PDB file of N, CA and C in Angstrom:
ATOM      1  N   MET A   1     115.228   8.396 153.851  1.00  0.00           N
ATOM      2  CA  MET A   1     114.157   9.172 153.975  1.00  0.00           C
ATOM      3  C   MET A   1     114.297  10.331 155.262  1.00  0.00           C
ATOM      4  N   LYS A   2     115.928  10.262 155.768  1.00  0.00           N
ATOM      5  CA  LYS A   2     116.298  11.499 156.427  1.00  0.00           C
ATOM      6  C   LYS A   2     116.395  12.266 155.546  1.00  0.00           C
ATOM      7  N   ARG A   3     116.596  12.122 154.399  1.00  0.00           N
ATOM      8  CA  ARG A   3     117.207  13.473 153.368  1.00  0.00           C
ATOM      9  C   ARG A   3     115.632  14.217 152.900  1.00  0.00           C
ATOM     10  N   ILE A   4     114.600  13.034 152.692  1.00  0.00           N
ATOM     11  CA  ILE A   4     113.161  13.838 152.626  1.00  0.00           C
ATOM     12  C   ILE A   4     112.432  14.616 153.532  1.00  0.00           C
ATOM     13  N   VAL A   5     112.751  14.078 154.895  1.00  0.00           N
ATOM     14  CA  VAL A   5     112.638  14.751 156.130  1.00  0.00           C
ATOM     15  C   VAL A   5     113.402  16.048 156.201  1.00  0.00           C
ATOM     16  N   SER A   6     114.529  16.151 155.741  1.00  0.00           N
ATOM     17  CA  SER A   6     115.154  17.300 155.771  1.00  0.00           C
ATOM     18  C   SER A   6     114.929  18.113 154.786  1.00  0.00           C
ATOM     19  N   VAL A   7     114.827  17.973 153.401  1.00  0.00           N
ATOM     20  CA  VAL A   7     113.881  18.863 152.866  1.00  0.00           C
ATOM     21  C   VAL A   7     112.684  19.780 152.779  1.00  0.00           C
ATOM     22  N   LEU A   8     111.840  18.625 153.665  1.00  0.00           N
ATOM     23  CA  LEU A   8     110.321  19.249 154.088  1.00  0.00           C
ATOM     24  C   LEU A   8     110.521  20.207 155.052  1.00  0.00           C
ATOM     25  N   ILE A   9     111.438  19.921 155.966  1.00  0.00           N
ATOM     26  CA  ILE A   9     111.505  20.934 157.219  1.00  0.00           C
ATOM     27  C   ILE A   9     112.361  21.983 156.425  1.00  0.00           C
ATOM     28  N   THR A  10     113.222  22.163 155.523  1.00  0.00           N
ATOM     29  CA  THR A  10     113.618  23.180 155.201  1.00  0.00           C
ATOM     30  C   THR A  10     112.478  23.982 154.342  1.00  0.00           C
ATOM     31  N   VAL A  11     111.584  23.612 153.424  1.00  0.00           N
ATOM     32  CA  VAL A  11     110.548  23.780 152.979  1.00  0.00           C
ATOM     33  C   VAL A  11     109.595  24.924 153.721  1.00  0.00           C
ATOM     34  N   ALA A  12     109.262  23.539 154.849  1.00  0.00           N
ATOM     35  CA  ALA A  12     108.647  24.334 155.839  1.00  0.00           C
ATOM     36  C   ALA A  12     109.099  25.801 156.254  1.00  0.00           C
ATOM     37  N   VAL A  13     110.150  25.777 156.788  1.00  0.00           N
ATOM     38  CA  VAL A  13     111.045  27.030 157.216  1.00  0.00           C
ATOM     39  C   VAL A  13     111.227  28.442 156.299  1.00  0.00           C
ATOM     40  N   VAL A  14     111.024  28.169 154.737  1.00  0.00           N
ATOM     41  CA  VAL A  14     111.120  28.945 154.218  1.00  0.00           C
ATOM     42  C   VAL A  14     110.097  29.503 153.848  1.00  0.00           C
ATOM     43  N   LEU A  15     109.131  28.638 153.557  1.00  0.00           N
ATOM     44  CA  LEU A  15     107.197  29.191 153.295  1.00  0.00           C
ATOM     45  C   LEU A  15     106.905  29.733 154.535  1.00  0.00           C
ATOM     46  N   ALA A  16     107.402  29.605 155.888  1.00  0.00           N
ATOM     47  CA  ALA A  16     107.324  30.265 157.116  1.00  0.00           C
ATOM     48  C   ALA A  16     107.673  31.780 157.160  1.00  0.00           C
ATOM     49  N   VAL A  17     109.069  31.769 156.603  1.00  0.00           N
ATOM     50  CA  VAL A  17     109.813  32.872 156.361  1.00  0.00           C
ATOM     51  C   VAL A  17     109.031  34.028 155.350  1.00  0.00           C
ATOM     52  N   LEU A  18     108.782  33.547 154.249  1.00  0.00           N
ATOM     53  CA  LEU A  18     107.944  34.137 153.657  1.00  0.00           C
ATOM     54  C   LEU A  18     106.460  34.703 153.809  1.00  0.00           C
ATOM     55  N   VAL A  19     105.665  33.892 154.676  1.00  0.00           N
ATOM     56  CA  VAL A  19     104.549  34.337 155.098  1.00  0.00           C
ATOM     57  C   VAL A  19     104.616  35.316 156.208  1.00  0.00           C
ATOM     58  N   GLY A  20     106.046  35.108 157.116  1.00  0.00           N
ATOM     59  CA  GLY A  20     106.214  36.028 158.227  1.00  0.00           C
ATOM     60  C   GLY A  20     106.437  37.197 157.586  1.00  0.00           C
ATOM     61  N   CYS A  21     107.142  37.702 156.430  1.00  0.00           N
ATOM     62  CA  CYS A  21     107.460  38.641 156.045  1.00  0.00           C
ATOM     63  C   CYS A  21     106.353  39.211 155.305  1.00  0.00           C
ATOM     64  N   SER A  22     105.333  38.424 154.955  1.00  0.00           N
ATOM     65  CA  SER A  22     104.057  39.181 153.996  1.00  0.00           C
ATOM     66  C   SER A  22     103.653  40.659 154.790  1.00  0.00           C
ATOM     67  N   ASP A  23     103.859  40.945 155.651  1.00  0.00           N
ATOM     68  CA  ASP A  23     103.391  42.254 156.500  1.00  0.00           C
ATOM     69  C   ASP A  23     104.435  43.116 156.703  1.00  0.00           C
ATOM     70  N   SER A  24     105.575  42.841 155.985  1.00  0.00           N
ATOM     71  CA  SER A  24     106.500  44.111 156.012  1.00  0.00           C
ATOM     72  C   SER A  24     106.682  45.048 154.690  1.00  0.00           C
ATOM     73  N   ASP A  25     107.300  46.185 154.957  1.00  0.00           N
ATOM     74  CA  ASP A  25     107.184  47.303 153.821  1.00  0.00           C
ATOM     75  C   ASP A  25     107.556  46.726 152.916  1.00  0.00           C
ATOM     76  N   LEU A  26     108.664  45.900 152.711  1.00  0.00           N
ATOM     77  CA  LEU A  26     109.332  45.185 151.485  1.00  0.00           C
ATOM     78  C   LEU A  26     107.948  44.809 150.727  1.00  0.00           C
ATOM     79  N   PHE A  27     106.842  44.300 150.834  1.00  0.00           N
ATOM     80  CA  PHE A  27     106.102  43.625 150.344  1.00  0.00           C
ATOM     81  C   PHE A  27     104.797  44.413 150.150  1.00  0.00           C
ATOM     82  N   SER A  28     104.850  46.018 150.602  1.00  0.00           N
ATOM     83  CA  SER A  28     103.828  46.407 150.364  1.00  0.00           C
ATOM     84  C   SER A  28     102.867  46.886 149.009  1.00  0.00           C
ATOM     85  N   GLU A  29     103.648  46.513 147.766  1.00  0.00           N
ATOM     86  CA  GLU A  29     102.832  46.703 146.691  1.00  0.00           C
ATOM     87  C   GLU A  29     103.544  45.217 145.763  1.00  0.00           C
ATOM     88  N   PRO A  30     102.392  44.279 146.307  1.00  0.00           N
ATOM     89  CA  PRO A  30     102.735  42.940 145.339  1.00  0.00           C
ATOM     90  C   PRO A  30     103.014  43.166 144.053  1.00  0.00           C
ATOM     91  N   THR A  31     103.685  42.595 143.394  1.00  0.00           N
ATOM     92  CA  THR A  31     103.760  42.500 142.009  1.00  0.00           C
ATOM     93  C   THR A  31     104.067  41.094 141.487  1.00  0.00           C
ATOM     94  N   TYR A  32     103.260  40.141 142.415  1.00  0.00           N
ATOM     95  CA  TYR A  32     103.392  38.707 142.015  1.00  0.00           C
ATOM     96  C   TYR A  32     101.683  38.055 142.200  1.00  0.00           C
ATOM     97  N   SER A  33     101.349  37.560 141.310  1.00  0.00           N
ATOM     98  CA  SER A  33     100.114  37.030 141.515  1.00  0.00           C
ATOM     99  C   SER A  33     100.104  35.757 142.413  1.00  0.00           C
ATOM    100  N   ILE A  34      99.744  35.453 143.390  1.00  0.00           N
ATOM    101  CA  ILE A  34      99.551  34.634 144.186  1.00  0.00           C
ATOM    102  C   ILE A  34      98.227  33.841 144.230  1.00  0.00           C
ATOM    103  N   GLU A  35      98.542  32.577 143.645  1.00  0.00           N
ATOM    104  CA  GLU A  35      97.573  31.726 143.084  1.00  0.00           C
ATOM    105  C   GLU A  35      96.973  30.397 144.054  1.00  0.00           C
ATOM    106  N   ARG A  36      97.984  30.131 144.718  1.00  0.00           N
ATOM    107  CA  ARG A  36      97.444  28.920 145.879  1.00  0.00           C
ATOM    108  C   ARG A  36      98.534  29.655 147.288  1.00  0.00           C
ATOM    109  N   LYS A  37      97.914  29.490 148.210  1.00  0.00           N
ATOM    110  CA  LYS A  37      98.225  29.919 149.564  1.00  0.00           C
ATOM    111  C   LYS A  37      98.593  28.685 150.400  1.00  0.00           C
ATOM    112  N   THR A  38      97.756  27.470 150.402  1.00  0.00           N
ATOM    113  CA  THR A  38      98.269  26.296 151.016  1.00  0.00           C
ATOM    114  C   THR A  38      98.407  25.006 149.831  1.00  0.00           C
ATOM    115  N   PHE A  39      99.186  24.099 149.902  1.00  0.00           N
ATOM    116  CA  PHE A  39      99.002  23.073 149.029  1.00  0.00           C
ATOM    117  C   PHE A  39     100.495  21.935 149.762  1.00  0.00           C
ATOM    118  N   VAL A  40     100.529  21.010 148.998  1.00  0.00           N
ATOM    119  CA  VAL A  40     101.089  19.871 149.241  1.00  0.00           C
ATOM    120  C   VAL A  40     102.201  19.692 148.402  1.00  0.00           C
ATOM    121  N   MET A  41     103.523  19.852 148.746  1.00  0.00           N
ATOM    122  CA  MET A  41     104.379  19.541 147.670  1.00  0.00           C
ATOM    123  C   MET A  41     105.458  18.346 147.911  1.00  0.00           C
ATOM    124  N   GLN A  42     106.103  17.517 147.073  1.00  0.00           N
ATOM    125  CA  GLN A  42     106.884  16.762 147.115  1.00  0.00           C
ATOM    126  C   GLN A  42     108.204  17.441 146.297  1.00  0.00           C
ATOM    127  N   VAL A  43     109.276  16.747 146.630  1.00  0.00           N
ATOM    128  CA  VAL A  43     110.659  17.470 146.407  1.00  0.00           C
ATOM    129  C   VAL A  43     111.545  15.895 146.139  1.00  0.00           C
ATOM    130  N   GLU A  44     111.958  15.778 144.875  1.00  0.00           N
ATOM    131  CA  GLU A  44     112.599  14.831 144.495  1.00  0.00           C
ATOM    132  C   GLU A  44     113.896  15.202 143.859  1.00  0.00           C
ATOM    133  N   PHE A  45     114.894  14.491 143.505  1.00  0.00           N
ATOM    134  CA  PHE A  45     116.215  14.566 142.713  1.00  0.00           C
ATOM    135  C   PHE A  45     116.642  13.737 141.761  1.00  0.00           C
ATOM    136  N   ASP A  46     116.948  14.380 140.663  1.00  0.00           N
ATOM    137  CA  ASP A  46     117.482  13.837 139.552  1.00  0.00           C
ATOM    138  C   ASP A  46     118.452  14.483 138.937  1.00  0.00           C
ATOM    139  N   GLU A  47     119.664  13.740 139.131  1.00  0.00           N
ATOM    140  CA  GLU A  47     120.828  14.854 138.613  1.00  0.00           C
ATOM    141  C   GLU A  47     120.842  14.440 137.088  1.00  0.00           C
ATOM    142  N   THR A  48     120.033  13.839 136.522  1.00  0.00           N
ATOM    143  CA  THR A  48     119.921  13.930 134.754  1.00  0.00           C
ATOM    144  C   THR A  48     118.971  14.743 134.449  1.00  0.00           C
ATOM    145  N   LEU A  49     118.286  15.574 135.245  1.00  0.00           N
ATOM    146  CA  LEU A  49     117.135  16.446 134.876  1.00  0.00           C
ATOM    147  C   LEU A  49     118.227  17.408 133.776  1.00  0.00           C
ATOM    148  N   GLN A  50     117.058  17.825 132.511  1.00  0.00           N
ATOM    149  CA  GLN A  50     117.958  18.683 131.745  1.00  0.00           C
ATOM    150  C   GLN A  50     117.743  20.049 131.923  1.00  0.00           C
ATOM    151  N   TYR A  51     117.126  20.391 133.360  1.00  0.00           N
ATOM    152  CA  TYR A  51     117.115  21.826 133.785  1.00  0.00           C
ATOM    153  C   TYR A  51     118.059  21.922 135.154  1.00  0.00           C
ATOM    154  N   ASP A  52     117.836  22.725 136.027  1.00  0.00           N
ATOM    155  CA  ASP A  52     118.097  22.804 137.107  1.00  0.00           C
ATOM    156  C   ASP A  52     117.237  22.367 138.114  1.00  0.00           C
ATOM    157  N   GLY A  53     116.023  22.504 137.658  1.00  0.00           N
ATOM    158  CA  GLY A  53     114.450  22.376 138.360  1.00  0.00           C
ATOM    159  C   GLY A  53     113.609  22.446 137.618  1.00  0.00           C
ATOM    160  N   LEU A  54     112.395  21.450 138.185  1.00  0.00           N
ATOM    161  CA  LEU A  54     111.016  21.608 137.351  1.00  0.00           C
ATOM    162  C   LEU A  54     110.107  21.519 138.688  1.00  0.00           C
ATOM    163  N   ALA A  55     108.837  22.232 138.328  1.00  0.00           N
ATOM    164  CA  ALA A  55     107.766  22.248 139.370  1.00  0.00           C
ATOM    165  C   ALA A  55     106.516  21.833 138.091  1.00  0.00           C
ATOM    166  N   GLU A  56     106.014  20.634 138.560  1.00  0.00           N
ATOM    167  CA  GLU A  56     104.390  20.237 138.297  1.00  0.00           C
ATOM    168  C   GLU A  56     103.450  19.833 139.089  1.00  0.00           C
ATOM    169  N   TRP A  57     102.551  20.338 138.585  1.00  0.00           N
ATOM    170  CA  TRP A  57     101.302  19.981 139.221  1.00  0.00           C
ATOM    171  C   TRP A  57     100.902  18.742 138.911  1.00  0.00           C
ATOM    172  N   ARG A  58     100.608  17.911 139.819  1.00  0.00           N
ATOM    173  CA  ARG A  58      99.838  16.023 139.479  1.00  0.00           C
ATOM    174  C   ARG A  58      99.020  16.136 140.759  1.00  0.00           C
ATOM    175  N   ASP A  59      97.861  15.420 140.276  1.00  0.00           N
ATOM    176  CA  ASP A  59      96.805  14.797 141.262  1.00  0.00           C
ATOM    177  C   ASP A  59      96.785  15.909 142.398  1.00  0.00           C
ATOM    178  N   GLY A  60      96.934  17.341 142.368  1.00  0.00           N
ATOM    179  CA  GLY A  60      96.464  18.070 143.642  1.00  0.00           C
ATOM    180  C   GLY A  60      97.537  18.438 144.489  1.00  0.00           C
ATOM    181  N   TYR A  61      98.661  18.053 144.143  1.00  0.00           N
ATOM    182  CA  TYR A  61      99.944  18.335 144.645  1.00  0.00           C
ATOM    183  C   TYR A  61     100.926  18.786 143.637  1.00  0.00           C
ATOM    184  N   CYS A  62     102.057  19.522 144.415  1.00  0.00           N
ATOM    185  CA  CYS A  62     102.891  20.161 143.485  1.00  0.00           C
ATOM    186  C   CYS A  62     104.049  19.415 143.541  1.00  0.00           C
ATOM    187  N   LYS A  63     104.673  18.830 142.397  1.00  0.00           N
ATOM    188  CA  LYS A  63     105.844  17.950 142.709  1.00  0.00           C
ATOM    189  C   LYS A  63     107.271  18.808 141.775  1.00  0.00           C
ATOM    190  N   ILE A  64     108.534  18.900 142.807  1.00  0.00           N
ATOM    191  CA  ILE A  64     109.422  19.712 142.424  1.00  0.00           C
ATOM    192  C   ILE A  64     110.666  18.834 142.327  1.00  0.00           C
ATOM    193  N   THR A  65     111.392  18.740 141.225  1.00  0.00           N
ATOM    194  CA  THR A  65     112.177  17.707 140.690  1.00  0.00           C
ATOM    195  C   THR A  65     113.861  18.804 140.558  1.00  0.00           C
ATOM    196  N   LEU A  66     114.803  18.602 141.790  1.00  0.00           N
ATOM    197  CA  LEU A  66     116.201  19.069 141.220  1.00  0.00           C
ATOM    198  C   LEU A  66     117.048  18.734 140.903  1.00  0.00           C
ATOM    199  N   LYS A  67     117.648  19.126 140.187  1.00  0.00           N
ATOM    200  CA  LYS A  67     118.758  18.491 139.828  1.00  0.00           C
ATOM    201  C   LYS A  67     120.143  18.421 140.863  1.00  0.00           C
ATOM    202  N   GLN A  68     119.947  19.317 141.717  1.00  0.00           N
ATOM    203  CA  GLN A  68     120.733  19.697 142.690  1.00  0.00           C
ATOM    204  C   GLN A  68     120.133  20.307 143.901  1.00  0.00           C
ATOM    205  N   TYR A  69     120.100  19.740 144.973  1.00  0.00           N
ATOM    206  CA  TYR A  69     119.895  20.561 146.177  1.00  0.00           C
ATOM    207  C   TYR A  69     120.572  21.169 146.919  1.00  0.00           C
ATOM    208  N   PRO A  70     120.382  22.794 147.215  1.00  0.00           N
ATOM    209  CA  PRO A  70     119.104  23.414 147.122  1.00  0.00           C
ATOM    210  C   PRO A  70     118.735  24.139 145.890  1.00  0.00           C
ATOM    211  N   ARG A  71     119.896  24.316 145.107  1.00  0.00           N
ATOM    212  CA  ARG A  71     119.656  25.028 144.002  1.00  0.00           C
ATOM    213  C   ARG A  71     118.342  25.209 143.169  1.00  0.00           C
ATOM    214  N   CYS A  72     117.530  26.325 143.088  1.00  0.00           N
ATOM    215  CA  CYS A  72     116.674  26.636 142.535  1.00  0.00           C
ATOM    216  C   CYS A  72     115.652  26.137 143.009  1.00  0.00           C
ATOM    217  N   LEU A  73     115.481  25.831 144.256  1.00  0.00           N
ATOM    218  CA  LEU A  73     114.283  25.434 145.468  1.00  0.00           C
ATOM    219  C   LEU A  73     113.725  26.594 145.366  1.00  0.00           C
ATOM    220  N   ALA A  74     113.844  27.806 146.070  1.00  0.00           N
ATOM    221  CA  ALA A  74     113.187  28.876 145.882  1.00  0.00           C
ATOM    222  C   ALA A  74     112.223  29.297 144.404  1.00  0.00           C
ATOM    223  N   HIS A  75     113.017  28.964 143.399  1.00  0.00           N
ATOM    224  CA  HIS A  75     112.230  29.050 142.011  1.00  0.00           C
ATOM    225  C   HIS A  75     111.506  28.426 141.851  1.00  0.00           C
ATOM    226  N   GLU A  76     111.413  27.139 142.187  1.00  0.00           N
ATOM    227  CA  GLU A  76     110.573  26.038 142.107  1.00  0.00           C
ATOM    228  C   GLU A  76     109.117  26.244 143.198  1.00  0.00           C
ATOM    229  N   VAL A  77     109.590  26.538 143.998  1.00  0.00           N
ATOM    230  CA  VAL A  77     108.302  26.849 145.070  1.00  0.00           C
ATOM    231  C   VAL A  77     107.643  27.905 144.709  1.00  0.00           C
ATOM    232  N   ARG A  78     107.980  29.077 144.189  1.00  0.00           N
ATOM    233  CA  ARG A  78     107.314  30.468 143.553  1.00  0.00           C
ATOM    234  C   ARG A  78     106.538  29.365 142.590  1.00  0.00           C
ATOM    235  N   HIS A  79     106.874  28.467 141.462  1.00  0.00           N
ATOM    236  CA  HIS A  79     106.045  28.012 140.394  1.00  0.00           C
ATOM    237  C   HIS A  79     104.690  27.540 141.163  1.00  0.00           C
ATOM    238  N   CYS A  80     104.955  26.746 142.154  1.00  0.00           N
ATOM    239  CA  CYS A  80     103.885  26.084 143.214  1.00  0.00           C
ATOM    240  C   CYS A  80     103.146  27.084 143.513  1.00  0.00           C
ATOM    241  N   ILE A  81     103.502  28.353 144.203  1.00  0.00           N
ATOM    242  CA  ILE A  81     102.415  29.203 144.634  1.00  0.00           C
ATOM    243  C   ILE A  81     102.051  30.233 143.323  1.00  0.00           C
ATOM    244  N   GLU A  82     102.965  30.842 142.994  1.00  0.00           N
ATOM    245  CA  GLU A  82     102.521  31.600 141.744  1.00  0.00           C
ATOM    246  C   GLU A  82     102.012  31.279 140.219  1.00  0.00           C
ATOM    247  N   GLY A  83     102.564  30.016 140.457  1.00  0.00           N
ATOM    248  CA  GLY A  83     102.122  29.461 138.536  1.00  0.00           C
ATOM    249  C   GLY A  83     103.072  29.745 137.708  1.00  0.00           C
ATOM    250  N   HIS A  84     103.018  29.462 136.716  1.00  0.00           N
ATOM    251  CA  HIS A  84     103.717  29.996 135.612  1.00  0.00           C
ATOM    252  C   HIS A  84     104.437  31.613 135.460  1.00  0.00           C
ATOM    253  N   TRP A  85     105.491  31.734 135.782  1.00  0.00           N
ATOM    254  CA  TRP A  85     105.482  33.757 135.855  1.00  0.00           C
ATOM    255  C   TRP A  85     106.534  33.726 134.620  1.00  0.00           C
ATOM    256  N   HIS A  86     107.220  33.198 133.956  1.00  0.00           N
ATOM    257  CA  HIS A  86     108.015  33.729 133.117  1.00  0.00           C
ATOM    258  C   HIS A  86     107.807  32.778 131.809  1.00  0.00           C
ATOM    259  N   ASP A  87     108.403  33.251 130.871  1.00  0.00           N
ATOM    260  CA  ASP A  87     108.150  32.834 129.372  1.00  0.00           C
ATOM    261  C   ASP A  87     108.744  31.359 129.353  1.00  0.00           C
ATOM    262  N   GLU A  88     108.806  30.523 128.095  1.00  0.00           N
ATOM    263  CA  GLU A  88     109.262  29.276 128.127  1.00  0.00           C
ATOM    264  C   GLU A  88     110.355  28.949 128.146  1.00  0.00           C
ATOM    265  N   ARG A  89     111.265  29.929 128.131  1.00  0.00           N
ATOM    266  CA  ARG A  89     112.718  29.828 127.965  1.00  0.00           C
ATOM    267  C   ARG A  89     112.942  29.389 130.129  1.00  0.00           C
ATOM    268  N   PRO A  90     114.379  28.741 129.526  1.00  0.00           N
ATOM    269  CA  PRO A  90     114.460  28.695 131.263  1.00  0.00           C
ATOM    270  C   PRO A  90     115.155  30.020 131.929  1.00  0.00           C
ATOM    271  N   ASN A  91     115.071  30.003 133.158  1.00  0.00           N
ATOM    272  CA  ASN A  91     115.094  31.136 133.974  1.00  0.00           C
ATOM    273  C   ASN A  91     115.665  30.762 135.208  1.00  0.00           C
ATOM    274  N   GLY A  92     117.134  31.678 135.596  1.00  0.00           N
ATOM    275  CA  GLY A  92     117.594  31.346 136.622  1.00  0.00           C
ATOM    276  C   GLY A  92     117.300  32.016 137.957  1.00  0.00           C
ATOM    277  N   GLU A  93     116.158  32.972 137.977  1.00  0.00           N
ATOM    278  CA  GLU A  93     115.710  33.823 138.804  1.00  0.00           C
ATOM    279  C   GLU A  93     115.539  33.015 140.046  1.00  0.00           C
ATOM    280  N   ASP A  94     116.214  33.632 141.142  1.00  0.00           N
ATOM    281  CA  ASP A  94     115.981  32.771 142.590  1.00  0.00           C
ATOM    282  C   ASP A  94     116.920  31.576 142.798  1.00  0.00           C
ATOM    283  N   CYS A  95     117.879  31.322 141.699  1.00  0.00           N
ATOM    284  CA  CYS A  95     118.581  30.063 141.956  1.00  0.00           C
ATOM    285  C   CYS A  95     119.788  30.641 142.079  1.00  0.00           C
ATOM    286  N   TYR A  96     120.064  29.710 143.500  1.00  0.00           N
ATOM    287  CA  TYR A  96     121.394  29.975 144.238  1.00  0.00           C
ATOM    288  C   TYR A  96     122.408  28.874 144.596  1.00  0.00           C
TER     289      TYR A  96
END
């Protein structure tokens, strides 16, 4: 339970930073389509996952599954916000 709370707090901080940065000059010309501004997300861990991360919309919330926390968390949060923005191949953009 503590781990889930920790993940939710981390995600909240990441989202707060992204929202706080939205007025800066770095984002004066948006290149991505923001499809959702608010949503509920669930983060789970599965060491047997084929990819580093996966984001799926289910019953009105975004379910993120990670092979290893926090690797690819930002990438999967982007899928929750922006939708599917790369082709069908695995993509490591934003995976640290």
